[in-house]
């Protein structure tokens, strides 16, 4: 399982992007799930993104490109015009203008100004086109960051130009990025082999979070209700920080033997977190201390 998305206006509504079984939707916090795959040509979902202003609009990234629904997942349409059959690994929407989208692909970054009807490559200055993740400054959405297997790059003009921001970052293999919503100059980068790095100056310099050591970061999320709290998914469970990444605690719980590839904190309810591993999804109501499985059952409709 690769991706989770939550309706910010109805937190009980959750979408699950699975790699092989398509998209599932629940409206009761995971008690019952319904497959939502009509129109999807590829059921290997790598990433999901939801329009914060119109939550019935959702985007799904696959190895066959990108798909869009305006009906809460009931019907999907392929929106690959001038994109081709690119592997879409991450989708980011401009929070102030959600019709402006950015996607990370195996051929660089693409941008749409019209909700995905048309795409253009925006790769000037990128030294690596093997892009894994995108992040956007929520207060100044023309400022963007991309993480690649080749470093971190920054744009301050909506992706027209990119600069490499590598100072203090020895591992160029970036799997995940997160921007502090209350202080967008504060960034976190999860690497494939060297743990988590922190920047306090908009990515211009980076400092390793020494508590973690040399571990592989699979997922990273910041709690929207308490941005001092972060969670990271690793090859064997979840770690949590309650002081903006200065110190980390391993959460000894039911997920300790699993590789955690997706994490999502509820935007309205403190302490509610979702985690994904393979084809499994779990929910915690106590900030990750304990977890309840809410995986869609086989044949669930």
C-alpha atoms as a PDB file:
ATOM      1  CA  UNK A   1       0.000   0.000   0.000  1.00  0.00           C
ATOM      2  CA  UNK A   2       1.435   3.283  -1.094  1.00  0.00           C
ATOM      3  CA  UNK A   3      -0.857   6.212  -0.327  1.00  0.00           C
ATOM      4  CA  UNK A   4      -3.545   7.624   1.950  1.00  0.00           C
ATOM      5  CA  UNK A   5      -5.722  10.731   1.592  1.00  0.00           C
ATOM      6  CA  UNK A   6      -8.282  12.139   4.003  1.00  0.00           C
ATOM      7  CA  UNK A   7     -11.220  14.496   3.432  1.00  0.00           C
ATOM      8  CA  UNK A   8     -10.386  17.566   5.573  1.00  0.00           C
ATOM      9  CA  UNK A   9     -14.073  18.462   5.905  1.00  0.00           C
ATOM     10  CA  UNK A  10     -15.216  14.935   6.839  1.00  0.00           C
ATOM     11  CA  UNK A  11     -12.345  13.154   8.631  1.00  0.00           C
ATOM     12  CA  UNK A  12     -14.206   9.854   8.622  1.00  0.00           C
ATOM     13  CA  UNK A  13     -13.816   9.765   4.842  1.00  0.00           C
ATOM     14  CA  UNK A  14     -10.508   8.193   3.895  1.00  0.00           C
ATOM     15  CA  UNK A  15      -9.049   6.994   0.586  1.00  0.00           C
ATOM     16  CA  UNK A  16      -6.539   4.191   0.314  1.00  0.00           C
ATOM     17  CA  UNK A  17      -4.331   3.758  -2.741  1.00  0.00           C
ATOM     18  CA  UNK A  18      -3.141   0.167  -2.994  1.00  0.00           C
ATOM     19  CA  UNK A  19      -0.496  -1.173  -5.350  1.00  0.00           C
ATOM     20  CA  UNK A  20      -2.443  -3.769  -7.261  1.00  0.00           C
ATOM     21  CA  UNK A  21      -6.053  -3.404  -6.097  1.00  0.00           C
ATOM     22  CA  UNK A  22      -6.672   0.233  -6.937  1.00  0.00           C
ATOM     23  CA  UNK A  23      -8.456   2.776  -4.735  1.00  0.00           C
ATOM     24  CA  UNK A  24     -10.661   2.045  -1.732  1.00  0.00           C
ATOM     25  CA  UNK A  25     -12.893   4.527   0.110  1.00  0.00           C
ATOM     26  CA  UNK A  26     -14.359   4.523   3.602  1.00  0.00           C
ATOM     27  CA  UNK A  27     -16.802   7.025   5.095  1.00  0.00           C
ATOM     28  CA  UNK A  28     -16.776   5.534   8.602  1.00  0.00           C
ATOM     29  CA  UNK A  29     -13.077   5.653   9.550  1.00  0.00           C
ATOM     30  CA  UNK A  30     -12.265   2.254   8.086  1.00  0.00           C
ATOM     31  CA  UNK A  31     -15.080   0.042   9.344  1.00  0.00           C
ATOM     32  CA  UNK A  32     -16.298  -0.551   5.799  1.00  0.00           C
ATOM     33  CA  UNK A  33     -14.427   0.041   2.542  1.00  0.00           C
ATOM     34  CA  UNK A  34     -15.635   0.229  -1.051  1.00  0.00           C
ATOM     35  CA  UNK A  35     -13.428  -0.239  -4.136  1.00  0.00           C
ATOM     36  CA  UNK A  36     -13.553   2.851  -6.389  1.00  0.00           C
ATOM     37  CA  UNK A  37     -11.894   1.758  -9.622  1.00  0.00           C
ATOM     38  CA  UNK A  38     -14.257   2.597 -12.489  1.00  0.00           C
ATOM     39  CA  UNK A  39     -12.135   4.156 -15.244  1.00  0.00           C
ATOM     40  CA  UNK A  40      -8.774   3.316 -13.677  1.00  0.00           C
ATOM     41  CA  UNK A  41      -6.576   1.631 -16.290  1.00  0.00           C
ATOM     42  CA  UNK A  42      -3.835   0.850 -13.773  1.00  0.00           C
ATOM     43  CA  UNK A  43      -4.622  -0.456 -10.279  1.00  0.00           C
ATOM     44  CA  UNK A  44      -1.083   0.113  -9.030  1.00  0.00           C
ATOM     45  CA  UNK A  45      -1.647   3.364  -7.114  1.00  0.00           C
ATOM     46  CA  UNK A  46       1.560   5.105  -6.117  1.00  0.00           C
ATOM     47  CA  UNK A  47       0.119   8.360  -4.788  1.00  0.00           C
ATOM     48  CA  UNK A  48      -3.169  10.111  -4.031  1.00  0.00           C
ATOM     49  CA  UNK A  49      -3.955  13.815  -3.625  1.00  0.00           C
ATOM     50  CA  UNK A  50      -7.232  15.454  -2.687  1.00  0.00           C
ATOM     51  CA  UNK A  51      -8.415  18.962  -3.609  1.00  0.00           C
ATOM     52  CA  UNK A  52      -8.725  20.744  -0.224  1.00  0.00           C
ATOM     53  CA  UNK A  53     -11.384  23.154  -1.526  1.00  0.00           C
ATOM     54  CA  UNK A  54     -13.415  20.544  -3.431  1.00  0.00           C
ATOM     55  CA  UNK A  55     -12.810  17.224  -1.635  1.00  0.00           C
ATOM     56  CA  UNK A  56     -14.842  15.223  -4.175  1.00  0.00           C
ATOM     57  CA  UNK A  57     -11.981  15.942  -6.606  1.00  0.00           C
ATOM     58  CA  UNK A  58      -9.138  13.470  -6.224  1.00  0.00           C
ATOM     59  CA  UNK A  59      -6.039  12.568  -8.227  1.00  0.00           C
ATOM     60  CA  UNK A  60      -4.300   9.188  -8.442  1.00  0.00           C
ATOM     61  CA  UNK A  61      -0.763   8.612  -9.733  1.00  0.00           C
ATOM     62  CA  UNK A  62       0.176   5.303 -11.353  1.00  0.00           C
ATOM     63  CA  UNK A  63       2.849   3.860 -13.632  1.00  0.00           C
ATOM     64  CA  UNK A  64       0.464   4.592 -16.527  1.00  0.00           C
ATOM     65  CA  UNK A  65       0.144   8.263 -15.640  1.00  0.00           C
ATOM     66  CA  UNK A  66      -2.417  10.265 -13.683  1.00  0.00           C
ATOM     67  CA  UNK A  67      -6.161   9.838 -13.204  1.00  0.00           C
ATOM     68  CA  UNK A  68      -8.782  12.275 -11.862  1.00  0.00           C
ATOM     69  CA  UNK A  69     -12.212  11.938 -10.281  1.00  0.00           C
ATOM     70  CA  UNK A  70     -14.642  14.747  -9.520  1.00  0.00           C
ATOM     71  CA  UNK A  71     -17.158  12.346  -7.975  1.00  0.00           C
ATOM     72  CA  UNK A  72     -15.418  11.194  -4.825  1.00  0.00           C
ATOM     73  CA  UNK A  73     -13.869   8.224  -6.592  1.00  0.00           C
ATOM     74  CA  UNK A  74     -17.017   6.953  -8.319  1.00  0.00           C
ATOM     75  CA  UNK A  75     -15.570   7.515 -11.816  1.00  0.00           C
ATOM     76  CA  UNK A  76     -11.995   8.189 -12.939  1.00  0.00           C
ATOM     77  CA  UNK A  77     -10.648   9.750 -16.113  1.00  0.00           C
ATOM     78  CA  UNK A  78      -7.100   9.560 -17.445  1.00  0.00           C
ATOM     79  CA  UNK A  79      -5.562  13.048 -17.784  1.00  0.00           C
ATOM     80  CA  UNK A  80      -2.256  12.421 -19.536  1.00  0.00           C
ATOM     81  CA  UNK A  81      -2.385  15.078 -22.275  1.00  0.00           C
ATOM     82  CA  UNK A  82       1.231  16.000 -23.160  1.00  0.00           C
ATOM     83  CA  UNK A  83       2.409  13.833 -20.266  1.00  0.00           C
ATOM     84  CA  UNK A  84       2.667  10.399 -21.848  1.00  0.00           C
ATOM     85  CA  UNK A  85       2.923   7.125 -19.976  1.00  0.00           C
ATOM     86  CA  UNK A  86       4.990   8.501 -17.119  1.00  0.00           C
ATOM     87  CA  UNK A  87       5.241   6.883 -13.719  1.00  0.00           C
ATOM     88  CA  UNK A  88       3.636   9.414 -11.357  1.00  0.00           C
ATOM     89  CA  UNK A  89       5.145   9.110  -7.877  1.00  0.00           C
ATOM     90  CA  UNK A  90       3.837  12.195  -6.084  1.00  0.00           C
ATOM     91  CA  UNK A  91       1.094  14.789  -6.599  1.00  0.00           C
ATOM     92  CA  UNK A  92       1.035  18.222  -4.956  1.00  0.00           C
ATOM     93  CA  UNK A  93      -1.698  20.852  -5.285  1.00  0.00           C
ATOM     94  CA  UNK A  94      -1.345  24.582  -4.753  1.00  0.00           C
ATOM     95  CA  UNK A  95      -3.438  25.019  -1.569  1.00  0.00           C
ATOM     96  CA  UNK A  96      -4.610  28.480  -2.621  1.00  0.00           C
ATOM     97  CA  UNK A  97      -5.270  27.568  -6.267  1.00  0.00           C
ATOM     98  CA  UNK A  98      -5.938  23.798  -6.359  1.00  0.00           C
ATOM     99  CA  UNK A  99      -6.309  23.786 -10.144  1.00  0.00           C
ATOM    100  CA  UNK A 100      -2.515  24.280 -10.217  1.00  0.00           C
ATOM    101  CA  UNK A 101      -0.881  20.857  -9.814  1.00  0.00           C
ATOM    102  CA  UNK A 102       2.664  19.526  -9.754  1.00  0.00           C
ATOM    103  CA  UNK A 103       3.627  15.897 -10.219  1.00  0.00           C
ATOM    104  CA  UNK A 104       6.879  14.025  -9.600  1.00  0.00           C
ATOM    105  CA  UNK A 105       7.664  11.460 -12.290  1.00  0.00           C
ATOM    106  CA  UNK A 106      10.453   9.262 -13.590  1.00  0.00           C
ATOM    107  CA  UNK A 107      11.094  11.993 -16.193  1.00  0.00           C
ATOM    108  CA  UNK A 108      11.165  15.052 -13.939  1.00  0.00           C
ATOM    109  CA  UNK A 109       8.483  17.475 -12.762  1.00  0.00           C
ATOM    110  CA  UNK A 110       5.340  18.389 -14.693  1.00  0.00           C
ATOM    111  CA  UNK A 111       2.902  21.225 -13.985  1.00  0.00           C
ATOM    112  CA  UNK A 112      -0.740  21.815 -14.870  1.00  0.00           C
ATOM    113  CA  UNK A 113      -2.559  25.137 -14.617  1.00  0.00           C
ATOM    114  CA  UNK A 114      -6.005  23.713 -15.297  1.00  0.00           C
ATOM    115  CA  UNK A 115      -6.674  20.780 -13.018  1.00  0.00           C
ATOM    116  CA  UNK A 116      -4.702  18.298 -15.095  1.00  0.00           C
ATOM    117  CA  UNK A 117      -6.256  18.988 -18.511  1.00  0.00           C
ATOM    118  CA  UNK A 118      -2.823  19.831 -19.868  1.00  0.00           C
ATOM    119  CA  UNK A 119       0.760  19.337 -18.640  1.00  0.00           C
ATOM    120  CA  UNK A 120       4.156  20.901 -19.250  1.00  0.00           C
ATOM    121  CA  UNK A 121       7.597  19.762 -18.133  1.00  0.00           C
ATOM    122  CA  UNK A 122       9.342  22.194 -15.739  1.00  0.00           C
ATOM    123  CA  UNK A 123      12.839  20.797 -15.351  1.00  0.00           C
ATOM    124  CA  UNK A 124      15.196  23.737 -15.901  1.00  0.00           C
ATOM    125  CA  UNK A 125      18.012  23.416 -13.364  1.00  0.00           C
ATOM    126  CA  UNK A 126      17.168  19.900 -12.202  1.00  0.00           C
ATOM    127  CA  UNK A 127      20.302  17.761 -12.275  1.00  0.00           C
ATOM    128  CA  UNK A 128      18.301  14.592 -11.639  1.00  0.00           C
ATOM    129  CA  UNK A 129      14.973  13.696 -13.228  1.00  0.00           C
ATOM    130  CA  UNK A 130      14.422  10.682 -10.962  1.00  0.00           C
ATOM    131  CA  UNK A 131      11.956  12.632  -8.789  1.00  0.00           C
ATOM    132  CA  UNK A 132      10.405  10.885  -5.777  1.00  0.00           C
ATOM    133  CA  UNK A 133       8.573  13.577  -3.798  1.00  0.00           C
ATOM    134  CA  UNK A 134       7.277  17.157  -3.998  1.00  0.00           C
ATOM    135  CA  UNK A 135       6.556  19.660  -1.240  1.00  0.00           C
ATOM    136  CA  UNK A 136       5.019  23.136  -1.399  1.00  0.00           C
ATOM    137  CA  UNK A 137       5.224  26.171   0.872  1.00  0.00           C
ATOM    138  CA  UNK A 138       1.631  26.549   2.142  1.00  0.00           C
ATOM    139  CA  UNK A 139       1.992  30.287   2.702  1.00  0.00           C
ATOM    140  CA  UNK A 140       3.928  31.074  -0.486  1.00  0.00           C
ATOM    141  CA  UNK A 141       2.888  28.364  -2.988  1.00  0.00           C
ATOM    142  CA  UNK A 142       5.287  29.566  -5.692  1.00  0.00           C
ATOM    143  CA  UNK A 143       8.035  28.077  -3.498  1.00  0.00           C
ATOM    144  CA  UNK A 144       8.487  24.369  -4.192  1.00  0.00           C
ATOM    145  CA  UNK A 145      10.869  21.604  -3.201  1.00  0.00           C
ATOM    146  CA  UNK A 146      11.553  18.290  -4.902  1.00  0.00           C
ATOM    147  CA  UNK A 147      13.379  15.285  -3.536  1.00  0.00           C
ATOM    148  CA  UNK A 148      15.136  13.041  -6.030  1.00  0.00           C
ATOM    149  CA  UNK A 149      17.555  10.171  -6.153  1.00  0.00           C
ATOM    150  CA  UNK A 150      20.077  12.883  -6.873  1.00  0.00           C
ATOM    151  CA  UNK A 151      19.415  15.511  -4.219  1.00  0.00           C
ATOM    152  CA  UNK A 152      16.958  18.234  -3.205  1.00  0.00           C
ATOM    153  CA  UNK A 153      16.024  21.138  -5.460  1.00  0.00           C
ATOM    154  CA  UNK A 154      14.131  24.361  -4.794  1.00  0.00           C
ATOM    155  CA  UNK A 155      12.095  26.715  -6.976  1.00  0.00           C
ATOM    156  CA  UNK A 156      10.787  30.140  -5.991  1.00  0.00           C
ATOM    157  CA  UNK A 157       8.928  30.838  -9.224  1.00  0.00           C
ATOM    158  CA  UNK A 158       6.441  28.000  -9.484  1.00  0.00           C
ATOM    159  CA  UNK A 159       8.889  25.561 -11.031  1.00  0.00           C
ATOM    160  CA  UNK A 160      10.271  27.710 -13.861  1.00  0.00           C
ATOM    161  CA  UNK A 161      13.787  27.455 -12.431  1.00  0.00           C
ATOM    162  CA  UNK A 162      15.341  25.083  -9.893  1.00  0.00           C
ATOM    163  CA  UNK A 163      18.479  25.285  -7.771  1.00  0.00           C
ATOM    164  CA  UNK A 164      20.265  22.446  -5.989  1.00  0.00           C
ATOM    165  CA  UNK A 165      20.152  22.836  -2.174  1.00  0.00           C
ATOM    166  CA  UNK A 166      22.594  20.269  -0.882  1.00  0.00           C
ATOM    167  CA  UNK A 167      24.701  21.980   1.799  1.00  0.00           C
ATOM    168  CA  UNK A 168      25.124  19.528   4.705  1.00  0.00           C
ATOM    169  CA  UNK A 169      23.206  16.748   2.973  1.00  0.00           C
ATOM    170  CA  UNK A 170      25.574  13.833   2.194  1.00  0.00           C
ATOM    171  CA  UNK A 171      22.910  11.341   1.073  1.00  0.00           C
ATOM    172  CA  UNK A 172      21.395  12.454  -2.253  1.00  0.00           C
ATOM    173  CA  UNK A 173      18.730   9.713  -2.195  1.00  0.00           C
ATOM    174  CA  UNK A 174      15.594  11.486  -0.940  1.00  0.00           C
ATOM    175  CA  UNK A 175      12.401   9.545  -0.339  1.00  0.00           C
ATOM    176  CA  UNK A 176      10.231  12.078   1.500  1.00  0.00           C
ATOM    177  CA  UNK A 177       9.994  15.801   2.257  1.00  0.00           C
ATOM    178  CA  UNK A 178       7.783  17.750   4.644  1.00  0.00           C
ATOM    179  CA  UNK A 179       7.298  21.482   5.227  1.00  0.00           C
ATOM    180  CA  UNK A 180       6.340  22.774   8.682  1.00  0.00           C
ATOM    181  CA  UNK A 181       2.888  24.362   8.112  1.00  0.00           C
ATOM    182  CA  UNK A 182       3.448  27.003  10.806  1.00  0.00           C
ATOM    183  CA  UNK A 183       7.025  27.852   9.788  1.00  0.00           C
ATOM    184  CA  UNK A 184       7.597  27.006   6.104  1.00  0.00           C
ATOM    185  CA  UNK A 185      11.320  27.755   6.281  1.00  0.00           C
ATOM    186  CA  UNK A 186      11.591  24.603   8.395  1.00  0.00           C
ATOM    187  CA  UNK A 187      11.890  21.449   6.291  1.00  0.00           C
ATOM    188  CA  UNK A 188      12.426  17.758   6.952  1.00  0.00           C
ATOM    189  CA  UNK A 189      13.987  15.326   4.476  1.00  0.00           C
ATOM    190  CA  UNK A 190      13.897  11.559   4.819  1.00  0.00           C
ATOM    191  CA  UNK A 191      16.748   9.733   3.074  1.00  0.00           C
ATOM    192  CA  UNK A 192      17.172   6.199   1.801  1.00  0.00           C
ATOM    193  CA  UNK A 193      20.082   5.369   4.113  1.00  0.00           C
ATOM    194  CA  UNK A 194      21.104   8.276   6.403  1.00  0.00           C
ATOM    195  CA  UNK A 195      17.980   9.062   8.424  1.00  0.00           C
ATOM    196  CA  UNK A 196      16.312  12.481   8.653  1.00  0.00           C
ATOM    197  CA  UNK A 197      17.812  15.894   7.904  1.00  0.00           C
ATOM    198  CA  UNK A 198      16.448  19.247   9.074  1.00  0.00           C
ATOM    199  CA  UNK A 199      16.687  22.669   7.467  1.00  0.00           C
ATOM    200  CA  UNK A 200      15.738  25.873   9.275  1.00  0.00           C
ATOM    201  CA  UNK A 201      16.490  28.237   6.402  1.00  0.00           C
ATOM    202  CA  UNK A 202      14.293  27.091   3.542  1.00  0.00           C
ATOM    203  CA  UNK A 203      16.565  24.246   2.518  1.00  0.00           C
ATOM    204  CA  UNK A 204      19.760  26.231   2.009  1.00  0.00           C
ATOM    205  CA  UNK A 205      21.563  24.280   4.752  1.00  0.00           C
ATOM    206  CA  UNK A 206      20.792  20.907   6.332  1.00  0.00           C
ATOM    207  CA  UNK A 207      21.614  19.244   9.645  1.00  0.00           C
ATOM    208  CA  UNK A 208      21.343  15.534  10.371  1.00  0.00           C
ATOM    209  CA  UNK A 209      19.084  14.413  13.225  1.00  0.00           C
ATOM    210  CA  UNK A 210      21.686  12.419  15.111  1.00  0.00           C
ATOM    211  CA  UNK A 211      19.214  10.517  17.329  1.00  0.00           C
ATOM    212  CA  UNK A 212      18.179   8.394  14.383  1.00  0.00           C
ATOM    213  CA  UNK A 213      21.490   7.190  13.008  1.00  0.00           C
ATOM    214  CA  UNK A 214      21.816   5.534   9.607  1.00  0.00           C
ATOM    215  CA  UNK A 215      18.308   4.269   8.936  1.00  0.00           C
ATOM    216  CA  UNK A 216      16.141   4.154   5.833  1.00  0.00           C
ATOM    217  CA  UNK A 217      13.143   6.485   5.924  1.00  0.00           C
ATOM    218  CA  UNK A 218      10.077   5.208   4.088  1.00  0.00           C
ATOM    219  CA  UNK A 219       7.477   7.787   5.147  1.00  0.00           C
ATOM    220  CA  UNK A 220       7.339  11.050   7.113  1.00  0.00           C
ATOM    221  CA  UNK A 221       4.412  13.191   8.224  1.00  0.00           C
ATOM    222  CA  UNK A 222       3.842  16.254  10.401  1.00  0.00           C
ATOM    223  CA  UNK A 223       0.748  16.470  12.599  1.00  0.00           C
ATOM    224  CA  UNK A 224      -1.432  19.336  11.250  1.00  0.00           C
ATOM    225  CA  UNK A 225      -2.974  19.854  14.692  1.00  0.00           C
ATOM    226  CA  UNK A 226       0.408  19.955  16.470  1.00  0.00           C
ATOM    227  CA  UNK A 227       3.318  20.642  14.088  1.00  0.00           C
ATOM    228  CA  UNK A 228       5.861  19.901  16.837  1.00  0.00           C
ATOM    229  CA  UNK A 229       4.857  16.232  16.472  1.00  0.00           C
ATOM    230  CA  UNK A 230       6.296  14.180  13.603  1.00  0.00           C
ATOM    231  CA  UNK A 231       6.114  10.518  12.659  1.00  0.00           C
ATOM    232  CA  UNK A 232       8.474   8.520  10.466  1.00  0.00           C
ATOM    233  CA  UNK A 233       7.975   5.081   8.990  1.00  0.00           C
ATOM    234  CA  UNK A 234      10.985   2.778   8.731  1.00  0.00           C
ATOM    235  CA  UNK A 235      11.728  -0.835   7.799  1.00  0.00           C
ATOM    236  CA  UNK A 236      10.619  -1.942  11.266  1.00  0.00           C
ATOM    237  CA  UNK A 237       7.879   0.256  12.672  1.00  0.00           C
ATOM    238  CA  UNK A 238       7.340   3.925  13.537  1.00  0.00           C
ATOM    239  CA  UNK A 239       9.261   6.598  15.409  1.00  0.00           C
ATOM    240  CA  UNK A 240       7.765   9.786  16.848  1.00  0.00           C
ATOM    241  CA  UNK A 241       9.166  13.172  17.810  1.00  0.00           C
ATOM    242  CA  UNK A 242       7.252  15.678  19.936  1.00  0.00           C
ATOM    243  CA  UNK A 243       9.862  18.446  19.750  1.00  0.00           C
ATOM    244  CA  UNK A 244      10.151  19.150  16.017  1.00  0.00           C
ATOM    245  CA  UNK A 245      12.616  16.379  15.338  1.00  0.00           C
ATOM    246  CA  UNK A 246      15.195  17.081  18.037  1.00  0.00           C
ATOM    247  CA  UNK A 247      14.550  13.789  19.816  1.00  0.00           C
ATOM    248  CA  UNK A 248      12.890  10.614  18.557  1.00  0.00           C
ATOM    249  CA  UNK A 249      11.218   7.711  20.355  1.00  0.00           C
ATOM    250  CA  UNK A 250      10.631   4.277  18.873  1.00  0.00           C
ATOM    251  CA  UNK A 251       6.980   3.313  19.312  1.00  0.00           C
ATOM    252  CA  UNK A 252       6.983  -0.241  20.623  1.00  0.00           C
ATOM    253  CA  UNK A 253       3.653  -1.533  19.389  1.00  0.00           C
ATOM    254  CA  UNK A 254       1.901  -3.902  16.993  1.00  0.00           C
ATOM    255  CA  UNK A 255       3.586  -2.346  13.946  1.00  0.00           C
ATOM    256  CA  UNK A 256       7.165  -2.960  15.058  1.00  0.00           C
ATOM    257  CA  UNK A 257       7.762  -5.825  12.622  1.00  0.00           C
ATOM    258  CA  UNK A 258       6.305  -4.051   9.573  1.00  0.00           C
ATOM    259  CA  UNK A 259       7.795  -1.774   6.915  1.00  0.00           C
ATOM    260  CA  UNK A 260       5.746   1.424   7.125  1.00  0.00           C
ATOM    261  CA  UNK A 261       5.387   3.024   3.692  1.00  0.00           C
ATOM    262  CA  UNK A 262       2.557   5.495   4.334  1.00  0.00           C
ATOM    263  CA  UNK A 263       1.669   7.801   7.227  1.00  0.00           C
ATOM    264  CA  UNK A 264      -1.125  10.362   7.542  1.00  0.00           C
ATOM    265  CA  UNK A 265      -2.147  12.458  10.549  1.00  0.00           C
ATOM    266  CA  UNK A 266      -5.777  13.554  10.829  1.00  0.00           C
ATOM    267  CA  UNK A 267      -6.097  17.289  10.009  1.00  0.00           C
ATOM    268  CA  UNK A 268      -8.809  17.927  12.615  1.00  0.00           C
ATOM    269  CA  UNK A 269      -8.455  15.371  15.400  1.00  0.00           C
ATOM    270  CA  UNK A 270      -5.291  15.423  17.526  1.00  0.00           C
ATOM    271  CA  UNK A 271      -3.762  12.020  18.117  1.00  0.00           C
ATOM    272  CA  UNK A 272      -5.463  10.268  15.188  1.00  0.00           C
ATOM    273  CA  UNK A 273      -2.890   8.797  12.773  1.00  0.00           C
ATOM    274  CA  UNK A 274      -3.107   6.290   9.927  1.00  0.00           C
ATOM    275  CA  UNK A 275      -0.300   4.004   8.768  1.00  0.00           C
ATOM    276  CA  UNK A 276       0.114   1.675   5.810  1.00  0.00           C
ATOM    277  CA  UNK A 277       2.350  -1.312   5.206  1.00  0.00           C
ATOM    278  CA  UNK A 278       2.119  -3.467   2.111  1.00  0.00           C
ATOM    279  CA  UNK A 279      -1.590  -4.209   1.742  1.00  0.00           C
ATOM    280  CA  UNK A 280      -2.384  -3.353   5.368  1.00  0.00           C
ATOM    281  CA  UNK A 281      -3.718  -0.151   6.932  1.00  0.00           C
ATOM    282  CA  UNK A 282      -3.928   0.741  10.623  1.00  0.00           C
ATOM    283  CA  UNK A 283      -5.422   3.507  12.764  1.00  0.00           C
ATOM    284  CA  UNK A 284      -4.183   4.981  16.036  1.00  0.00           C
ATOM    285  CA  UNK A 285      -6.207   7.266  18.310  1.00  0.00           C
ATOM    286  CA  UNK A 286      -3.443   7.826  20.868  1.00  0.00           C
ATOM    287  CA  UNK A 287      -0.655   9.408  18.802  1.00  0.00           C
ATOM    288  CA  UNK A 288       0.773   6.087  17.691  1.00  0.00           C
ATOM    289  CA  UNK A 289       0.990   4.276  21.022  1.00  0.00           C
ATOM    290  CA  UNK A 290      -1.466   1.559  19.932  1.00  0.00           C
ATOM    291  CA  UNK A 291      -2.952   0.621  16.564  1.00  0.00           C
ATOM    292  CA  UNK A 292      -6.110  -1.029  15.242  1.00  0.00           C
ATOM    293  CA  UNK A 293      -6.156  -2.778  11.844  1.00  0.00           C
ATOM    294  CA  UNK A 294      -8.686  -1.288   9.395  1.00  0.00           C
ATOM    295  CA  UNK A 295      -7.546  -3.062   6.222  1.00  0.00           C
ATOM    296  CA  UNK A 296     -10.204  -3.534   3.502  1.00  0.00           C
ATOM    297  CA  UNK A 297     -11.430  -7.121   3.539  1.00  0.00           C
ATOM    298  CA  UNK A 298     -11.183  -9.240   0.420  1.00  0.00           C
ATOM    299  CA  UNK A 299     -14.341  -8.908  -1.639  1.00  0.00           C
ATOM    300  CA  UNK A 300     -15.571  -5.885   0.337  1.00  0.00           C
ATOM    301  CA  UNK A 301     -18.009  -3.800  -1.715  1.00  0.00           C
END
